[in-house]
């Protein structure tokens, strides 16, 4: 595993840049070390988090908004205050129904998010 270091202990959201990662989707990488990573993701209405899979475990808190979420062969609507778990290698994706924000936790770190960091 490539070593990416560790984030600072105190992380202030207004000092961390958002990066555009798709049409209507922005990501803000917060805290991390090689074992865990926290990422904020903002979605505009109609934005899509395309169906994909990865070897990381993922737990996500729906901070705000409403999303049509697919995990494996199940699709459900989740909204602010809900959460979900995605096991490694399971296909998943979202469609934003109401503008909102997701807070993703990955284990281990998403190396693909760290390119150019």
N, C-alpha and C. Protein backbone atom coordinates (compact mmCIF):
# COMPACT_ATOMS: atom_id res chain seq x y z
N UNK A 1 0.85 -1.18 0.00
CA UNK A 1 0.00 0.00 0.00
C UNK A 1 0.89 1.24 0.00
N UNK A 2 0.54 2.18 -0.85
CA UNK A 2 1.28 3.45 -0.89
C UNK A 2 0.98 4.24 0.38
N UNK A 3 1.98 4.95 0.87
CA UNK A 3 1.82 5.73 2.09
C UNK A 3 1.52 7.18 1.70
N UNK A 4 0.42 7.72 2.21
CA UNK A 4 0.01 9.09 1.88
C UNK A 4 0.19 10.04 3.05
N UNK A 5 0.65 9.55 4.17
CA UNK A 5 0.79 10.42 5.32
C UNK A 5 -0.51 10.52 6.10
N UNK A 6 -0.56 11.54 6.91
CA UNK A 6 -1.69 11.75 7.79
C UNK A 6 -2.13 13.20 7.70
N UNK A 7 -3.42 13.43 7.76
CA UNK A 7 -3.91 14.80 7.74
C UNK A 7 -3.57 15.48 9.06
N UNK A 8 -3.78 16.77 9.09
CA UNK A 8 -3.59 17.52 10.33
C UNK A 8 -4.64 17.09 11.35
N UNK A 9 -4.38 17.39 12.61
CA UNK A 9 -5.32 17.01 13.67
C UNK A 9 -6.59 17.87 13.64
N UNK A 10 -6.45 19.16 13.36
CA UNK A 10 -7.61 20.05 13.32
C UNK A 10 -7.86 20.43 11.87
N UNK A 11 -9.10 20.22 11.42
CA UNK A 11 -9.46 20.43 10.01
C UNK A 11 -10.64 21.38 9.94
N UNK A 12 -10.45 22.51 9.29
CA UNK A 12 -11.49 23.53 9.21
C UNK A 12 -12.04 23.56 7.79
N UNK A 13 -13.33 23.20 7.67
CA UNK A 13 -13.97 23.07 6.37
C UNK A 13 -13.84 24.28 5.48
N UNK A 14 -13.84 25.48 6.07
CA UNK A 14 -13.76 26.68 5.24
C UNK A 14 -12.35 26.92 4.71
N UNK A 15 -11.39 26.09 5.11
CA UNK A 15 -10.00 26.22 4.63
C UNK A 15 -9.63 25.10 3.65
N UNK A 16 -10.52 24.13 3.47
CA UNK A 16 -10.23 22.99 2.60
C UNK A 16 -11.00 23.16 1.30
N UNK A 17 -10.28 23.09 0.18
CA UNK A 17 -10.89 23.30 -1.13
C UNK A 17 -11.82 22.16 -1.52
N UNK A 18 -12.86 22.52 -2.28
CA UNK A 18 -13.76 21.55 -2.90
C UNK A 18 -13.23 21.31 -4.31
N UNK A 19 -13.30 20.06 -4.76
CA UNK A 19 -12.92 19.76 -6.14
C UNK A 19 -14.14 19.21 -6.88
N UNK A 20 -14.30 19.63 -8.12
CA UNK A 20 -15.40 19.13 -8.94
C UNK A 20 -15.03 17.74 -9.45
N UNK A 21 -15.92 16.79 -9.22
CA UNK A 21 -15.64 15.40 -9.61
C UNK A 21 -16.69 14.84 -10.57
N UNK A 22 -17.62 15.67 -10.98
CA UNK A 22 -18.66 15.28 -11.91
C UNK A 22 -19.61 16.44 -12.07
N UNK A 23 -20.52 16.33 -13.01
CA UNK A 23 -21.48 17.40 -13.23
C UNK A 23 -22.39 17.51 -12.01
N UNK A 24 -22.30 18.65 -11.30
CA UNK A 24 -23.13 18.88 -10.12
C UNK A 24 -22.64 18.16 -8.88
N UNK A 25 -21.39 17.65 -8.90
CA UNK A 25 -20.85 16.91 -7.75
C UNK A 25 -19.49 17.49 -7.38
N UNK A 26 -19.33 17.83 -6.09
CA UNK A 26 -18.05 18.32 -5.58
C UNK A 26 -17.65 17.51 -4.35
N UNK A 27 -16.33 17.36 -4.18
CA UNK A 27 -15.80 16.56 -3.08
C UNK A 27 -14.80 17.39 -2.28
N UNK A 28 -14.82 17.20 -0.96
CA UNK A 28 -13.91 17.88 -0.03
C UNK A 28 -13.26 16.80 0.85
N UNK A 29 -11.98 16.56 0.64
CA UNK A 29 -11.27 15.55 1.42
C UNK A 29 -10.92 16.15 2.78
N UNK A 30 -11.40 15.50 3.81
CA UNK A 30 -11.18 15.99 5.17
C UNK A 30 -10.04 15.18 5.79
N UNK A 31 -10.25 14.50 6.90
CA UNK A 31 -9.19 13.78 7.60
C UNK A 31 -8.90 12.42 7.01
N UNK A 32 -7.63 11.99 7.16
CA UNK A 32 -7.23 10.67 6.65
C UNK A 32 -5.88 10.25 7.22
N UNK A 33 -5.70 8.95 7.21
CA UNK A 33 -4.39 8.32 7.30
C UNK A 33 -4.51 7.12 6.37
N UNK A 34 -3.58 6.19 6.40
CA UNK A 34 -3.66 5.08 5.45
C UNK A 34 -4.78 4.09 5.76
N UNK A 35 -5.39 4.18 6.96
CA UNK A 35 -6.42 3.23 7.35
C UNK A 35 -7.84 3.74 7.22
N UNK A 36 -8.03 5.07 7.18
CA UNK A 36 -9.39 5.63 7.19
C UNK A 36 -9.39 7.00 6.51
N UNK A 37 -10.54 7.36 5.96
CA UNK A 37 -10.66 8.65 5.26
C UNK A 37 -12.08 9.18 5.41
N UNK A 38 -12.21 10.52 5.62
CA UNK A 38 -13.49 11.19 5.72
C UNK A 38 -13.60 12.18 4.56
N UNK A 39 -14.72 12.12 3.82
CA UNK A 39 -14.91 12.96 2.64
C UNK A 39 -16.32 13.53 2.63
N UNK A 40 -16.44 14.85 2.43
CA UNK A 40 -17.74 15.49 2.20
C UNK A 40 -18.01 15.50 0.70
N UNK A 41 -19.25 15.23 0.32
CA UNK A 41 -19.62 15.25 -1.09
C UNK A 41 -20.92 16.05 -1.25
N UNK A 42 -20.87 17.12 -2.07
CA UNK A 42 -22.06 17.96 -2.33
C UNK A 42 -22.66 17.57 -3.67
N UNK A 43 -24.00 17.48 -3.71
CA UNK A 43 -24.72 17.13 -4.92
C UNK A 43 -25.77 18.19 -5.22
N UNK A 44 -25.85 18.61 -6.48
CA UNK A 44 -26.95 19.45 -6.95
C UNK A 44 -28.08 18.51 -7.38
N UNK A 45 -29.29 19.05 -7.47
CA UNK A 45 -30.44 18.24 -7.91
C UNK A 45 -30.14 17.63 -9.27
N UNK A 46 -30.41 16.34 -9.40
CA UNK A 46 -30.20 15.63 -10.66
C UNK A 46 -28.79 15.09 -10.86
N UNK A 47 -27.86 15.49 -10.00
CA UNK A 47 -26.48 15.00 -10.13
C UNK A 47 -26.44 13.50 -9.84
N UNK A 48 -25.49 12.83 -10.48
CA UNK A 48 -25.40 11.38 -10.38
C UNK A 48 -24.03 10.97 -9.84
N UNK A 49 -24.05 10.11 -8.86
CA UNK A 49 -22.86 9.38 -8.42
C UNK A 49 -22.95 8.04 -9.13
N UNK A 50 -22.24 7.91 -10.24
CA UNK A 50 -22.37 6.75 -11.14
C UNK A 50 -22.16 5.43 -10.40
N UNK A 51 -22.82 4.40 -10.89
CA UNK A 51 -22.67 3.06 -10.33
C UNK A 51 -21.20 2.65 -10.46
N UNK A 52 -20.63 2.21 -9.34
CA UNK A 52 -19.23 1.80 -9.30
C UNK A 52 -19.01 0.85 -8.13
N UNK A 53 -17.81 0.30 -8.03
CA UNK A 53 -17.45 -0.53 -6.88
C UNK A 53 -15.98 -0.30 -6.58
N UNK A 54 -15.60 -0.61 -5.34
CA UNK A 54 -14.20 -0.50 -4.92
C UNK A 54 -13.98 -1.48 -3.78
N UNK A 55 -12.72 -1.72 -3.47
CA UNK A 55 -12.41 -2.71 -2.43
C UNK A 55 -12.51 -2.17 -1.01
N UNK A 56 -12.81 -0.89 -0.87
CA UNK A 56 -12.90 -0.25 0.44
C UNK A 56 -14.26 -0.51 1.10
N UNK A 57 -14.27 -0.58 2.43
CA UNK A 57 -15.53 -0.53 3.17
C UNK A 57 -15.95 0.93 3.22
N UNK A 58 -17.25 1.18 3.14
CA UNK A 58 -17.75 2.56 3.14
C UNK A 58 -18.97 2.67 4.04
N UNK A 59 -18.97 3.70 4.88
CA UNK A 59 -20.15 4.08 5.65
C UNK A 59 -20.41 5.54 5.32
N UNK A 60 -21.67 5.86 5.03
CA UNK A 60 -22.01 7.23 4.64
C UNK A 60 -23.17 7.74 5.47
N UNK A 61 -23.02 8.98 5.93
CA UNK A 61 -24.08 9.70 6.64
C UNK A 61 -24.68 10.70 5.68
N UNK A 62 -26.00 10.71 5.55
CA UNK A 62 -26.69 11.69 4.71
C UNK A 62 -26.92 12.93 5.57
N UNK A 63 -26.09 13.92 5.35
CA UNK A 63 -26.18 15.15 6.15
C UNK A 63 -27.43 15.94 5.78
N UNK A 64 -27.71 16.02 4.47
CA UNK A 64 -28.88 16.77 4.01
C UNK A 64 -29.27 16.29 2.62
N UNK A 65 -30.46 16.69 2.18
CA UNK A 65 -30.93 16.33 0.85
C UNK A 65 -31.68 15.02 0.82
N UNK A 66 -31.95 14.57 -0.41
CA UNK A 66 -32.64 13.29 -0.63
C UNK A 66 -32.00 12.64 -1.85
N UNK A 67 -31.75 11.33 -1.73
CA UNK A 67 -31.04 10.59 -2.77
C UNK A 67 -31.73 9.26 -3.05
N UNK A 68 -31.72 8.86 -4.32
CA UNK A 68 -32.12 7.51 -4.68
C UNK A 68 -30.82 6.71 -4.70
N UNK A 69 -30.70 5.77 -3.78
CA UNK A 69 -29.47 5.03 -3.56
C UNK A 69 -29.63 3.59 -3.99
N UNK A 70 -28.66 3.11 -4.76
CA UNK A 70 -28.64 1.71 -5.15
C UNK A 70 -27.41 1.06 -4.55
N UNK A 71 -27.62 -0.03 -3.82
CA UNK A 71 -26.54 -0.86 -3.29
C UNK A 71 -26.84 -2.28 -3.73
N UNK A 72 -25.97 -2.83 -4.56
CA UNK A 72 -26.23 -4.16 -5.11
C UNK A 72 -27.49 -4.11 -5.96
N UNK A 73 -28.45 -4.94 -5.64
CA UNK A 73 -29.69 -4.98 -6.41
C UNK A 73 -30.85 -4.26 -5.74
N UNK A 74 -30.57 -3.56 -4.63
CA UNK A 74 -31.62 -2.83 -3.92
C UNK A 74 -31.50 -1.33 -4.16
N UNK A 75 -32.64 -0.68 -4.35
CA UNK A 75 -32.68 0.78 -4.49
C UNK A 75 -33.68 1.31 -3.48
N UNK A 76 -33.23 2.30 -2.71
CA UNK A 76 -34.08 2.93 -1.70
C UNK A 76 -33.84 4.43 -1.72
N UNK A 77 -34.78 5.18 -1.16
CA UNK A 77 -34.62 6.62 -1.01
C UNK A 77 -34.10 6.90 0.39
N UNK A 78 -33.01 7.69 0.46
CA UNK A 78 -32.45 8.09 1.76
C UNK A 78 -32.46 9.62 1.83
N UNK A 79 -32.56 10.13 3.06
CA UNK A 79 -32.64 11.59 3.24
C UNK A 79 -31.80 12.00 4.44
N UNK A 80 -31.69 13.31 4.66
CA UNK A 80 -30.92 13.82 5.79
C UNK A 80 -31.22 13.09 7.07
N UNK A 81 -30.18 12.67 7.78
CA UNK A 81 -30.32 11.93 9.03
C UNK A 81 -30.18 10.43 8.87
N UNK A 82 -30.25 9.93 7.62
CA UNK A 82 -30.08 8.51 7.36
C UNK A 82 -28.60 8.19 7.16
N UNK A 83 -28.28 6.91 7.14
CA UNK A 83 -26.92 6.46 6.87
C UNK A 83 -27.00 5.13 6.13
N UNK A 84 -25.88 4.72 5.53
CA UNK A 84 -25.83 3.43 4.86
C UNK A 84 -24.41 2.89 4.86
N UNK A 85 -24.32 1.56 4.72
CA UNK A 85 -23.05 0.85 4.68
C UNK A 85 -22.94 0.14 3.34
N UNK A 86 -21.74 0.22 2.74
CA UNK A 86 -21.48 -0.46 1.47
C UNK A 86 -20.29 -1.39 1.67
N UNK A 87 -20.52 -2.70 1.57
CA UNK A 87 -19.41 -3.64 1.71
C UNK A 87 -18.44 -3.53 0.53
N UNK A 88 -17.22 -4.00 0.70
CA UNK A 88 -16.26 -3.99 -0.40
C UNK A 88 -16.80 -4.73 -1.63
N UNK A 89 -16.47 -4.22 -2.80
CA UNK A 89 -16.77 -4.83 -4.11
C UNK A 89 -18.25 -4.95 -4.43
N UNK A 90 -19.12 -4.16 -3.79
CA UNK A 90 -20.54 -4.17 -4.11
C UNK A 90 -20.84 -2.93 -4.96
N UNK A 91 -21.49 -3.14 -6.11
CA UNK A 91 -21.86 -2.02 -6.97
C UNK A 91 -22.82 -1.09 -6.24
N UNK A 92 -22.60 0.23 -6.40
CA UNK A 92 -23.47 1.21 -5.74
C UNK A 92 -23.39 2.55 -6.47
N UNK A 93 -24.42 3.38 -6.27
CA UNK A 93 -24.45 4.71 -6.85
C UNK A 93 -25.67 5.46 -6.35
N UNK A 94 -25.70 6.78 -6.61
CA UNK A 94 -26.82 7.61 -6.17
C UNK A 94 -27.26 8.56 -7.27
N UNK A 95 -28.53 8.97 -7.17
CA UNK A 95 -29.07 10.07 -7.96
C UNK A 95 -29.63 11.06 -6.95
N UNK A 96 -29.25 12.32 -7.08
CA UNK A 96 -29.70 13.34 -6.13
C UNK A 96 -31.10 13.83 -6.50
N UNK A 97 -32.04 13.67 -5.58
CA UNK A 97 -33.42 14.10 -5.79
C UNK A 97 -33.63 15.51 -5.25
N UNK A 98 -33.02 15.81 -4.10
CA UNK A 98 -33.03 17.16 -3.50
C UNK A 98 -31.60 17.48 -3.14
N UNK A 99 -31.14 18.68 -3.52
CA UNK A 99 -29.76 19.10 -3.25
C UNK A 99 -29.33 18.69 -1.85
N UNK A 100 -28.12 18.15 -1.73
CA UNK A 100 -27.70 17.69 -0.42
C UNK A 100 -26.24 17.36 -0.32
N UNK A 101 -25.90 16.83 0.84
CA UNK A 101 -24.50 16.52 1.14
C UNK A 101 -24.41 15.16 1.81
N UNK A 102 -23.43 14.38 1.38
CA UNK A 102 -23.11 13.09 1.99
C UNK A 102 -21.76 13.20 2.69
N UNK A 103 -21.61 12.48 3.79
CA UNK A 103 -20.34 12.42 4.50
C UNK A 103 -19.88 10.96 4.44
N UNK A 104 -18.85 10.71 3.63
CA UNK A 104 -18.35 9.35 3.40
C UNK A 104 -17.17 9.04 4.30
N UNK A 105 -17.15 7.82 4.83
CA UNK A 105 -16.00 7.30 5.56
C UNK A 105 -15.57 6.03 4.83
N UNK A 106 -14.27 5.98 4.48
CA UNK A 106 -13.71 4.83 3.76
C UNK A 106 -12.61 4.20 4.59
N UNK A 107 -12.51 2.87 4.50
CA UNK A 107 -11.39 2.17 5.09
C UNK A 107 -10.96 1.08 4.12
N UNK A 108 -9.71 1.05 3.71
CA UNK A 108 -8.66 2.03 3.99
C UNK A 108 -8.86 3.30 3.15
N UNK A 109 -7.89 4.17 3.16
CA UNK A 109 -7.93 5.42 2.40
C UNK A 109 -8.20 5.14 0.91
N UNK A 110 -8.96 6.04 0.27
CA UNK A 110 -9.19 5.94 -1.18
C UNK A 110 -7.97 6.53 -1.88
N UNK A 111 -7.06 5.69 -2.30
CA UNK A 111 -5.84 6.13 -2.95
C UNK A 111 -6.14 6.94 -4.21
N UNK A 112 -7.20 6.55 -4.93
CA UNK A 112 -7.56 7.23 -6.17
C UNK A 112 -7.98 8.68 -5.92
N UNK A 113 -8.41 9.01 -4.72
CA UNK A 113 -8.78 10.40 -4.40
C UNK A 113 -7.54 11.25 -4.12
N UNK A 114 -6.42 10.61 -3.84
CA UNK A 114 -5.21 11.33 -3.42
C UNK A 114 -4.28 11.71 -4.57
N UNK A 115 -4.62 11.32 -5.78
CA UNK A 115 -3.79 11.69 -6.93
C UNK A 115 -3.72 13.20 -7.02
N UNK A 116 -2.53 13.73 -7.21
CA UNK A 116 -2.26 15.17 -7.30
C UNK A 116 -2.42 15.89 -5.97
N UNK A 117 -2.40 15.20 -4.86
CA UNK A 117 -2.50 15.85 -3.54
C UNK A 117 -1.12 16.01 -2.95
